[in-house]
Amino acid sequence: MSDDDFMVESNDEYDFDYSENDDENEGQTDFENRYYNAKQLKDVNVEKALDAFAAIIEAENPSSEWSFRSRKQTIKLLLIAGSLKEALAHFKDMFLFIGQTSNRIYAEKSLTNILDLLTSNVEQVGFTEVEVFFNTALSSLRDSSSDRLWLKVKLKLAKLMLDTEHYIDLSRSVKEIYQLSSASAANSDPAASGFLLDVYALEMQMASRIGNAKLLKALYRKALSVRLAVPHPKIMGIVREYGGKMHMEEENWSDAQKDFYEAFRNYDEAGKKERIKVLKYLIVSIMLTNSEINPFDSQELKPFLRDDEINPFVCLLDAYQRKDYAGYEKVFRRYEESISLDRLLSQHLFDVRRNLRLDALQRLVAPFSTISSSAVGEYLGASEWEVVNALTNLLLEGHFPGKLSRRFEKLSIQGIRNERLVTSHGLERAVIGLLQSGRTGASFGMASEECCQLTFCSSFQNPQDYQVA
């Protein structure tokens, strides 16, 4: 076939068929332009922006995309302005779109953003008012049979109740979540198992705060029994953190150490700031186990070695493992105010400090047959009451034979050396070192008229060479 023939045959009349949706598409483009123009007005003139969004909502189908977007922007502007009644009216109409749209991901994200805006401003808005919005959403979602989204919203409300300490309301909400998620989990729905783990973690936090140790332990076991292919690391971090706190209350230091490490690993994977907090707990639990392990030898923890918040705890751990009471005290006193803000740290670092003080006290009094409590207090940097308490504990626990005077101003140790501490030769060297360092009567803060003599146990060689007048 020649080119001419081709041109003749192809010289047909072309009919351009316009789609029936062309007019609709042009209308959608017009609404889209109007929407973005209105959005630009938000930072310039809120009233004009609200009017522009209202015009789109009035002209569009309530279940259409641009009507929904305009309504979402209107709700945000009204919430910021404090117009809660108007915002709630638009919020109710939002669910016309959420129930019909095929773009459920966008609809759910929009709903979540609005609820997040409300929860972040709950102090200004008020819990009761915020709860009205949540209940409106839950009622609408229940009618639309959207169980998964209903569970997400209910769980978000439960977290708000935890944060605002509405524990009675939280207990009721938890029961409702259990009912729906347990039924779904029974049908092997992995999402429902995820919700169960979420609610266990939530209830564990509440149990810890109200001091219900029995409930906390039961929930901890249930949470660890949930089987998920890939559990969310943040939720597992919460489970492990509160499991570690439970073990700390039970003085089960080794299990606490394991849980705090797992909590740190999960929080770190999720990129959560809570990893710093549980790393502090991990260091304290290591000290309480009297472990000589340096956790920062691991590749996971090494990057945090010089973190500003962690570094003081690294110093405390180093001093404790070296039995350096003076070094520990120096660091502890410097950061005591910040440590006291965390109840668990404050409580258990006190235990660590007490252990180290008892160890230092035991070593200090070992060479002497008589020593004043005021002298010990000055040496240790502790009050006389703390010294008497520590000496009493040592005596009751049988670390050495002796007795305190009636006024508690003097400790008399019977003439039997404590072989668990040092040998006689080692003790001899310790005494000589003590004398050479100048820690005799004056340095202990004792004047001669106080009649607080320091004499060494008669089992030493040549004890007269070491007597202090």
Protein backbone atom coordinates (compact mmCIF):
# COMPACT_ATOMS: atom_id res chain seq x y z
CA MET A 1 0.00 0.00 0.00
CA SER A 2 1.38 3.40 -0.99
CA ASP A 3 1.56 6.40 1.23
CA ASP A 4 -1.19 8.05 -0.77
CA ASP A 5 -3.48 5.08 -0.29
CA PHE A 6 -2.76 5.16 3.41
CA MET A 7 -3.60 8.83 3.62
CA VAL A 8 -6.84 8.28 1.76
CA GLU A 9 -7.92 5.40 3.91
CA SER A 10 -7.03 7.14 7.10
CA ASN A 11 -8.70 10.40 6.19
CA ASP A 12 -11.71 9.56 8.34
CA GLU A 13 -13.75 12.04 10.30
CA TYR A 14 -12.57 12.01 13.89
CA ASP A 15 -15.24 12.22 16.58
CA PHE A 16 -14.03 13.33 20.00
CA ASP A 17 -16.17 11.66 22.65
CA TYR A 18 -16.14 13.60 25.90
CA SER A 19 -16.57 11.56 29.02
CA GLU A 20 -19.74 12.04 30.99
CA ASN A 21 -17.54 12.77 34.01
CA ASP A 22 -15.68 15.67 32.41
CA ASP A 23 -18.03 18.28 33.85
CA GLU A 24 -17.79 16.61 37.24
CA ASN A 25 -13.98 16.59 37.06
CA GLU A 26 -13.94 20.27 36.19
CA GLY A 27 -16.18 20.90 39.20
CA GLN A 28 -13.84 18.91 41.42
CA THR A 29 -10.87 20.91 40.13
CA ASP A 30 -12.75 24.11 40.97
CA PHE A 31 -13.43 22.87 44.54
CA GLU A 32 -9.81 21.81 44.87
CA ASN A 33 -8.59 25.29 43.88
CA ARG A 34 -11.03 26.93 46.25
CA TYR A 35 -9.91 24.63 49.06
CA TYR A 36 -6.21 25.46 48.68
CA ASN A 37 -6.97 29.16 48.38
CA ALA A 38 -8.94 28.95 51.64
CA LYS A 39 -6.10 27.02 53.26
CA GLN A 40 -3.67 29.82 52.41
CA LEU A 41 -5.93 32.27 54.25
CA LYS A 42 -5.58 30.38 57.57
CA ASP A 43 -2.42 32.19 58.59
CA VAL A 44 -3.61 35.55 57.25
CA ASN A 45 -7.28 35.91 58.15
CA VAL A 46 -9.01 33.13 60.07
CA GLU A 47 -12.52 34.56 59.56
CA LYS A 48 -12.11 34.71 55.79
CA ALA A 49 -10.66 31.19 55.79
CA LEU A 50 -13.68 29.90 57.73
CA ASP A 51 -16.07 31.61 55.30
CA ALA A 52 -14.24 30.09 52.33
CA PHE A 53 -14.35 26.60 53.83
CA ALA A 54 -18.03 27.07 54.72
CA ALA A 55 -18.80 27.95 51.08
CA ILE A 56 -17.20 24.72 49.88
CA ILE A 57 -19.06 22.66 52.51
CA GLU A 58 -22.38 24.25 51.52
CA ALA A 59 -21.85 23.76 47.80
CA GLU A 60 -20.40 20.27 47.91
CA ASN A 61 -21.93 16.89 48.73
CA PRO A 62 -21.39 16.29 52.47
CA SER A 63 -19.71 12.96 51.73
CA SER A 64 -17.37 14.34 49.05
CA GLU A 65 -13.62 14.68 49.53
CA TRP A 66 -13.35 18.48 49.38
CA SER A 67 -16.28 18.95 51.69
CA PHE A 68 -14.60 16.58 54.17
CA ARG A 69 -11.24 18.35 53.88
CA SER A 70 -12.86 21.74 54.37
CA ARG A 71 -14.77 20.46 57.39
CA LYS A 72 -11.56 19.07 58.90
CA GLN A 73 -9.81 22.44 58.54
CA THR A 74 -12.86 24.20 59.98
CA ILE A 75 -12.86 21.95 63.05
CA LYS A 76 -9.18 22.65 63.72
CA LEU A 77 -9.65 26.42 63.40
CA LEU A 78 -12.70 26.37 65.67
CA LEU A 79 -10.92 24.27 68.30
CA ILE A 80 -7.98 26.65 68.33
CA ALA A 81 -10.42 29.55 68.67
CA GLY A 82 -12.21 27.77 71.54
CA SER A 83 -15.55 27.45 69.69
CA LEU A 84 -16.25 23.93 70.93
CA LYS A 85 -19.98 23.73 70.12
CA GLU A 86 -19.48 24.71 66.50
CA ALA A 87 -16.51 22.38 66.21
CA LEU A 88 -18.55 19.49 67.64
CA ALA A 89 -21.36 20.07 65.10
CA HIS A 90 -18.88 19.82 62.21
CA PHE A 91 -17.18 16.87 63.90
CA LYS A 92 -20.44 14.89 63.86
CA ASP A 93 -20.90 15.56 60.13
CA MET A 94 -17.38 14.27 59.42
CA PHE A 95 -18.57 10.73 59.85
CA LEU A 96 -20.80 10.98 56.75
CA PHE A 97 -17.56 10.91 54.77
CA ILE A 98 -15.72 8.42 56.99
CA GLY A 99 -18.54 5.90 56.66
CA GLN A 100 -18.73 6.11 52.85
CA THR A 101 -15.27 6.89 51.52
CA SER A 102 -13.03 4.34 49.87
CA ASN A 103 -9.98 6.26 51.11
CA ARG A 104 -10.27 5.00 54.68
CA ILE A 105 -6.59 5.52 55.48
CA TYR A 106 -6.87 9.27 54.86
CA ALA A 107 -10.16 9.44 56.78
CA GLU A 108 -8.71 7.61 59.79
CA LYS A 109 -5.59 9.76 59.78
CA SER A 110 -7.71 12.92 59.72
CA LEU A 111 -9.82 11.69 62.64
CA THR A 112 -6.68 10.77 64.59
CA ASN A 113 -5.16 14.22 63.98
CA ILE A 114 -8.24 15.97 65.36
CA LEU A 115 -8.34 13.73 68.44
CA ASP A 116 -4.61 14.30 68.97
CA LEU A 117 -5.19 18.05 68.81
CA LEU A 118 -7.86 17.71 71.49
CA THR A 119 -5.76 15.49 73.80
CA SER A 120 -2.71 17.75 73.53
CA ASN A 121 -4.84 20.68 74.71
CA VAL A 122 -6.88 18.82 77.33
CA GLU A 123 -5.73 21.17 80.13
CA GLN A 124 -7.10 24.19 78.26
CA VAL A 125 -10.21 22.52 76.82
CA GLY A 126 -11.06 20.35 79.83
CA PHE A 127 -11.32 16.57 80.09
CA THR A 128 -15.14 16.50 80.08
CA GLU A 129 -15.34 18.50 76.83
CA VAL A 130 -12.66 16.36 75.16
CA GLU A 131 -14.47 13.20 76.25
CA VAL A 132 -17.64 14.44 74.46
CA PHE A 133 -15.74 14.44 71.16
CA PHE A 134 -14.38 10.96 71.81
CA ASN A 135 -17.82 9.59 72.72
CA THR A 136 -19.29 11.17 69.57
CA ALA A 137 -16.65 9.40 67.49
CA LEU A 138 -17.16 6.09 69.28
CA SER A 139 -20.93 6.23 68.87
CA SER A 140 -20.67 6.99 65.15
CA LEU A 141 -18.06 4.28 64.58
CA ARG A 142 -20.11 1.72 66.50
CA ASP A 143 -23.06 2.43 64.19
CA SER A 144 -20.83 2.02 61.13
CA SER A 145 -19.55 -1.37 62.40
CA SER A 146 -15.92 -0.25 62.17
CA ASP A 147 -14.58 -2.35 65.05
CA ARG A 148 -10.89 -1.77 64.36
CA LEU A 149 -11.19 2.01 64.21
CA TRP A 150 -13.51 1.96 67.24
CA LEU A 151 -10.84 0.08 69.21
CA LYS A 152 -8.15 2.58 68.18
CA VAL A 153 -10.25 5.54 69.31
CA LYS A 154 -11.29 3.80 72.55
CA LEU A 155 -7.67 2.98 73.31
CA LYS A 156 -6.66 6.59 72.68
CA LEU A 157 -9.37 7.73 75.12
CA ALA A 158 -8.14 5.19 77.68
CA LYS A 159 -4.61 6.59 77.39
CA LEU A 160 -5.98 10.06 77.99
CA MET A 161 -7.77 8.78 81.11
CA LEU A 162 -4.48 7.34 82.34
CA ASP A 163 -2.63 10.62 81.74
CA THR A 164 -5.34 12.63 83.51
CA GLU A 165 -5.64 10.06 86.35
CA HIS A 166 -9.30 9.22 85.71
CA TYR A 167 -8.71 5.66 86.94
CA ILE A 168 -12.36 4.68 87.57
CA ASP A 169 -13.33 5.73 84.03
CA LEU A 170 -10.24 3.95 82.74
CA SER A 171 -11.24 0.67 84.42
CA ARG A 172 -14.65 0.81 82.71
CA SER A 173 -13.10 1.60 79.33
CA VAL A 174 -10.60 -1.24 79.68
CA LYS A 175 -13.45 -3.73 80.22
CA GLU A 176 -15.15 -2.58 77.00
CA ILE A 177 -11.90 -2.89 75.06
CA TYR A 178 -11.34 -6.39 76.47
CA GLN A 179 -14.79 -7.52 75.39
CA LEU A 180 -14.35 -6.53 71.76
CA SER A 181 -10.64 -7.32 71.33
CA SER A 182 -10.91 -10.70 73.09
CA ALA A 183 -13.76 -11.73 70.80
CA SER A 184 -11.73 -10.75 67.73
CA ALA A 185 -8.58 -12.42 69.06
CA ALA A 186 -10.56 -15.64 69.51
CA ASN A 187 -11.10 -15.55 65.74
CA SER A 188 -7.30 -15.42 65.22
CA ASP A 189 -7.30 -11.74 64.29
CA PRO A 190 -3.67 -10.56 64.74
CA ALA A 191 -4.79 -6.93 65.00
CA ALA A 192 -6.99 -7.84 67.97
CA SER A 193 -4.02 -9.49 69.69
CA GLY A 194 -2.13 -6.24 69.19
CA PHE A 195 -4.95 -4.33 70.88
CA LEU A 196 -4.88 -6.81 73.78
CA LEU A 197 -1.17 -6.17 74.27
CA ASP A 198 -1.84 -2.41 74.15
CA VAL A 199 -4.50 -2.62 76.82
CA TYR A 200 -2.36 -4.87 79.02
CA ALA A 201 0.43 -2.30 78.84
CA LEU A 202 -2.03 0.48 79.62
CA GLU A 203 -3.50 -1.32 82.61
CA MET A 204 -0.02 -2.23 83.90
CA GLN A 205 0.79 1.48 84.09
CA MET A 206 -2.39 2.13 86.04
CA ALA A 207 -1.75 -0.80 88.41
CA SER A 208 1.77 0.49 89.09
CA ARG A 209 0.56 4.01 89.81
CA ILE A 210 -2.18 2.95 92.23
CA GLY A 211 0.12 0.42 93.92
CA ASN A 212 -1.79 -2.75 92.99
CA ALA A 213 1.15 -5.18 92.88
CA LYS A 214 -1.03 -8.28 92.51
CA LEU A 215 -2.80 -6.90 89.43
CA LEU A 216 0.50 -5.70 87.96
CA LYS A 217 2.04 -9.17 88.21
CA ALA A 218 -1.00 -10.83 86.62
CA LEU A 219 -1.01 -8.34 83.74
CA TYR A 220 2.74 -8.73 83.23
CA ARG A 221 2.34 -12.47 82.77
CA LYS A 222 -0.61 -12.03 80.41
CA ALA A 223 1.30 -9.49 78.32
CA LEU A 224 4.28 -11.82 77.91
CA SER A 225 1.94 -14.64 76.87
CA VAL A 226 0.52 -12.67 73.91
CA ARG A 227 1.94 -14.06 70.70
CA LEU A 228 2.45 -11.59 67.88
CA ALA A 229 4.65 -11.97 64.81
CA VAL A 230 6.04 -8.45 65.23
CA PRO A 231 4.89 -6.76 68.46
CA HIS A 232 5.26 -2.98 68.50
CA PRO A 233 8.58 -2.17 70.22
CA LYS A 234 7.10 0.79 72.10
CA ILE A 235 4.40 -1.39 73.69
CA MET A 236 6.89 -4.12 74.56
CA GLY A 237 9.10 -1.41 76.05
CA ILE A 238 6.26 -0.40 78.38
CA VAL A 239 5.58 -4.03 79.37
CA ARG A 240 9.25 -4.66 80.14
CA GLU A 241 9.74 -1.34 81.95
CA TYR A 242 6.84 -1.93 84.33
CA GLY A 243 7.86 -5.56 84.72
CA GLY A 244 11.28 -4.32 85.80
CA LYS A 245 9.70 -1.90 88.27
CA MET A 246 7.63 -4.76 89.68
CA HIS A 247 10.79 -6.85 90.18
CA MET A 248 12.51 -3.90 91.87
CA GLU A 249 9.67 -3.65 94.40
CA GLU A 250 10.11 -7.38 95.06
CA GLU A 251 13.89 -6.87 95.39
CA ASN A 252 14.39 -9.32 92.56
CA TRP A 253 17.33 -7.38 91.16
CA SER A 254 18.50 -9.88 88.52
CA ASP A 255 15.09 -10.17 86.82
CA ALA A 256 14.71 -6.40 87.03
CA GLN A 257 18.04 -6.06 85.26
CA LYS A 258 16.88 -8.36 82.44
CA ASP A 259 13.58 -6.51 81.99
CA PHE A 260 15.17 -3.05 82.02
CA TYR A 261 17.63 -4.17 79.37
CA GLU A 262 14.78 -5.46 77.18
CA ALA A 263 12.83 -2.24 77.80
CA PHE A 264 15.85 -0.18 76.72
CA ARG A 265 16.31 -2.29 73.58
CA ASN A 266 12.65 -1.92 72.58
CA TYR A 267 12.46 1.81 73.31
CA ASP A 268 15.68 2.31 71.38
CA GLU A 269 14.26 0.43 68.39
CA ALA A 270 11.11 2.58 68.54
CA GLY A 271 13.21 5.75 68.87
CA LYS A 272 11.54 6.72 72.16
CA LYS A 273 13.10 9.04 74.73
CA GLU A 274 12.07 6.60 77.50
CA ARG A 275 15.20 4.61 76.64
CA ILE A 276 17.25 7.07 78.72
CA LYS A 277 15.03 6.57 81.77
CA VAL A 278 15.16 2.77 81.67
CA LEU A 279 18.90 2.85 81.05
CA LYS A 280 19.23 4.66 84.38
CA TYR A 281 17.08 1.95 85.97
CA LEU A 282 19.29 -0.72 84.38
CA ILE A 283 22.43 0.82 85.90
CA VAL A 284 20.82 0.94 89.36
CA SER A 285 19.72 -2.70 89.10
CA ILE A 286 23.29 -3.71 88.14
CA MET A 287 24.60 -2.01 91.29
CA LEU A 288 21.99 -3.74 93.43
CA THR A 289 23.05 -7.15 92.09
CA ASN A 290 26.67 -6.33 93.00
CA SER A 291 27.58 -7.26 89.46
CA GLU A 292 30.98 -6.31 88.12
CA ILE A 293 29.68 -6.26 84.54
CA ASN A 294 30.16 -3.03 82.63
CA PRO A 295 26.96 -2.72 80.53
CA PHE A 296 28.61 -0.14 78.29
CA ASP A 297 30.91 -2.78 76.85
CA SER A 298 27.97 -3.79 74.63
CA GLN A 299 27.61 -2.15 71.22
CA GLU A 300 23.99 -1.19 71.95
CA LEU A 301 24.83 0.85 75.04
CA LYS A 302 28.23 2.25 74.14
CA PRO A 303 26.82 5.27 72.20
CA PHE A 304 25.07 6.43 75.41
CA LEU A 305 28.23 6.40 77.52
CA ARG A 306 28.74 10.15 77.22
CA ASP A 307 25.08 11.17 77.22
CA ASP A 308 24.59 14.13 79.58
CA GLU A 309 21.81 12.38 81.52
CA ILE A 310 23.53 9.00 81.66
CA ASN A 311 27.09 10.13 82.47
CA PRO A 312 26.40 10.77 86.22
CA PHE A 313 25.03 7.23 86.53
CA VAL A 314 28.08 5.86 84.75
CA CYS A 315 30.21 7.62 87.39
CA LEU A 316 28.03 6.23 90.21
CA LEU A 317 28.37 2.71 88.78
CA ASP A 318 32.14 3.06 88.45
CA ALA A 319 32.49 4.33 92.03
CA TYR A 320 30.24 1.56 93.37
CA GLN A 321 32.10 -1.22 91.60
CA ARG A 322 35.41 0.15 92.92
CA LYS A 323 33.89 0.48 96.43
CA ASP A 324 34.83 4.15 96.34
CA TYR A 325 32.42 5.58 98.88
CA ALA A 326 33.84 9.11 98.77
CA GLY A 327 33.64 9.20 94.97
CA TYR A 328 30.09 7.88 95.02
CA GLU A 329 29.02 10.46 97.60
CA LYS A 330 30.53 13.30 95.58
CA VAL A 331 28.57 12.37 92.46
CA PHE A 332 25.40 11.53 94.38
CA ARG A 333 25.28 14.84 96.24
CA ARG A 334 25.90 16.78 93.05
CA TYR A 335 22.91 15.22 91.29
CA GLU A 336 20.74 14.46 94.33
CA GLU A 337 18.08 17.03 93.40
CA SER A 338 17.47 15.63 89.91
CA ILE A 339 17.61 12.04 91.20
CA SER A 340 14.92 12.81 93.79
CA LEU A 341 12.44 13.67 91.01
CA ASP A 342 12.18 9.98 90.09
CA ARG A 343 10.74 7.88 92.92
CA LEU A 344 12.30 4.61 91.78
CA LEU A 345 15.76 6.14 91.34
CA SER A 346 15.54 8.00 94.64
CA GLN A 347 14.40 4.94 96.56
CA HIS A 348 16.85 2.41 95.18
CA LEU A 349 19.88 4.65 94.88
CA PHE A 350 19.36 5.18 98.59
CA ASP A 351 19.64 1.39 98.98
CA VAL A 352 22.80 1.38 96.86
CA ARG A 353 24.21 4.23 98.90
CA ARG A 354 23.37 2.42 102.13
CA ASN A 355 25.11 -0.76 100.92
CA LEU A 356 28.23 1.15 99.97
CA ARG A 357 28.19 3.08 103.26
CA LEU A 358 27.92 -0.17 105.24
CA ASP A 359 30.83 -1.59 103.29
CA ALA A 360 32.93 1.54 103.93
CA LEU A 361 31.93 1.55 107.59
CA GLN A 362 32.79 -2.11 107.98
CA ARG A 363 36.24 -1.51 106.55
CA LEU A 364 36.74 1.61 108.64
CA VAL A 365 35.97 0.14 112.04
CA ALA A 366 37.69 -3.20 111.46
CA PRO A 367 41.13 -2.19 112.90
CA PHE A 368 39.75 -0.59 116.07
CA SER A 369 38.55 -1.88 119.39
CA THR A 370 36.77 1.42 120.22
CA ILE A 371 35.66 4.26 117.96
CA SER A 372 33.28 7.19 118.38
CA SER A 373 30.20 7.48 116.20
CA SER A 374 30.90 11.18 115.63
CA ALA A 375 34.33 10.34 114.26
CA VAL A 376 32.85 7.77 111.89
CA GLY A 377 30.21 10.28 110.80
CA GLU A 378 32.82 12.91 109.98
CA TYR A 379 34.87 10.41 108.01
CA LEU A 380 31.89 9.16 106.02
CA GLY A 381 30.22 12.54 105.67
CA ALA A 382 27.10 11.20 107.37
CA SER A 383 24.98 12.37 110.28
CA GLU A 384 25.45 10.74 113.66
CA TRP A 385 21.97 9.22 113.41
CA GLU A 386 22.87 7.62 110.05
CA VAL A 387 26.09 6.25 111.52
CA VAL A 388 24.31 4.77 114.56
CA ASN A 389 21.71 3.19 112.27
CA ALA A 390 24.40 1.71 110.04
CA LEU A 391 26.45 0.42 112.99
CA THR A 392 23.33 -1.16 114.48
CA ASN A 393 22.63 -2.96 111.19
CA LEU A 394 26.20 -4.26 111.01
CA LEU A 395 26.02 -5.56 114.57
CA LEU A 396 22.61 -7.19 114.10
CA GLU A 397 23.72 -8.82 110.86
CA GLY A 398 26.75 -10.27 112.63
CA HIS A 399 29.46 -8.61 110.57
CA PHE A 400 31.58 -8.24 113.72
CA PRO A 401 31.10 -8.76 117.47
CA GLY A 402 30.70 -5.59 119.48
CA LYS A 403 28.32 -3.23 121.22
CA LEU A 404 27.22 0.39 121.17
CA SER A 405 27.30 2.46 124.34
CA ARG A 406 23.99 3.57 125.85
CA ARG A 407 24.31 7.03 124.39
CA PHE A 408 25.39 5.58 121.06
CA GLU A 409 28.47 7.79 121.11
CA LYS A 410 30.93 4.91 121.10
CA LEU A 411 31.30 1.52 119.43
CA SER A 412 33.26 -1.16 121.25
CA ILE A 413 34.40 -4.12 119.20
CA GLN A 414 35.29 -7.33 121.00
CA GLY A 415 38.78 -8.71 120.57
CA ILE A 416 38.01 -11.02 117.66
CA ARG A 417 39.06 -9.83 114.28
CA ASN A 418 36.64 -10.23 111.41
CA GLU A 419 38.40 -12.69 109.15
CA ARG A 420 35.90 -12.11 106.35
CA LEU A 421 37.32 -8.65 105.82
CA VAL A 422 41.11 -8.90 105.82
CA THR A 423 43.94 -11.00 107.16
CA SER A 424 45.96 -9.68 110.08
CA HIS A 425 48.80 -8.66 107.75
CA GLY A 426 46.39 -6.98 105.38
CA LEU A 427 44.74 -5.23 108.27
CA GLU A 428 48.11 -4.17 109.58
CA ARG A 429 48.90 -2.52 106.25
CA ALA A 430 45.47 -0.86 106.22
CA VAL A 431 46.09 0.59 109.70
CA ILE A 432 49.55 1.88 108.78
CA GLY A 433 48.07 3.49 105.69
CA LEU A 434 45.34 5.05 107.80
CA LEU A 435 47.89 6.50 110.21
CA GLN A 436 50.16 7.73 107.44
CA SER A 437 47.23 9.50 105.77
CA GLY A 438 46.80 11.57 108.94
CA ARG A 439 43.41 10.14 109.86
CA THR A 440 44.14 9.94 113.57
CA GLY A 441 42.44 11.63 116.50
CA ALA A 442 42.39 15.20 115.18
CA SER A 443 41.43 14.28 111.65
CA PHE A 444 38.54 12.25 113.02
CA GLY A 445 37.33 15.38 114.78
CA MET A 446 38.09 14.11 118.26
CA ALA A 447 39.80 16.23 120.90
CA SER A 448 41.72 14.40 123.61
CA GLU A 449 39.30 15.53 126.30
CA GLU A 450 36.50 13.60 124.61
CA CYS A 451 38.16 10.43 125.88
CA CYS A 452 37.32 8.65 122.62
CA GLN A 453 40.41 6.50 122.27
CA LEU A 454 41.30 4.52 119.18
CA THR A 455 43.03 1.26 120.05
CA PHE A 456 43.59 -1.72 117.83
CA CYS A 457 42.52 -5.29 118.41
CA SER A 458 44.91 -7.25 120.63
CA SER A 459 45.31 -9.93 117.98
CA PHE A 460 47.67 -7.68 115.98
CA GLN A 461 51.39 -7.93 116.26
CA ASN A 462 52.89 -5.27 118.50
CA PRO A 463 49.59 -3.46 119.12
CA GLN A 464 51.36 -0.90 121.26
CA ASP A 465 53.05 0.45 118.11
CA TYR A 466 49.67 1.44 116.70
CA GLN A 467 47.88 2.89 119.65
CA VAL A 468 46.59 6.45 119.33
CA ALA A 469 46.56 8.52 122.46
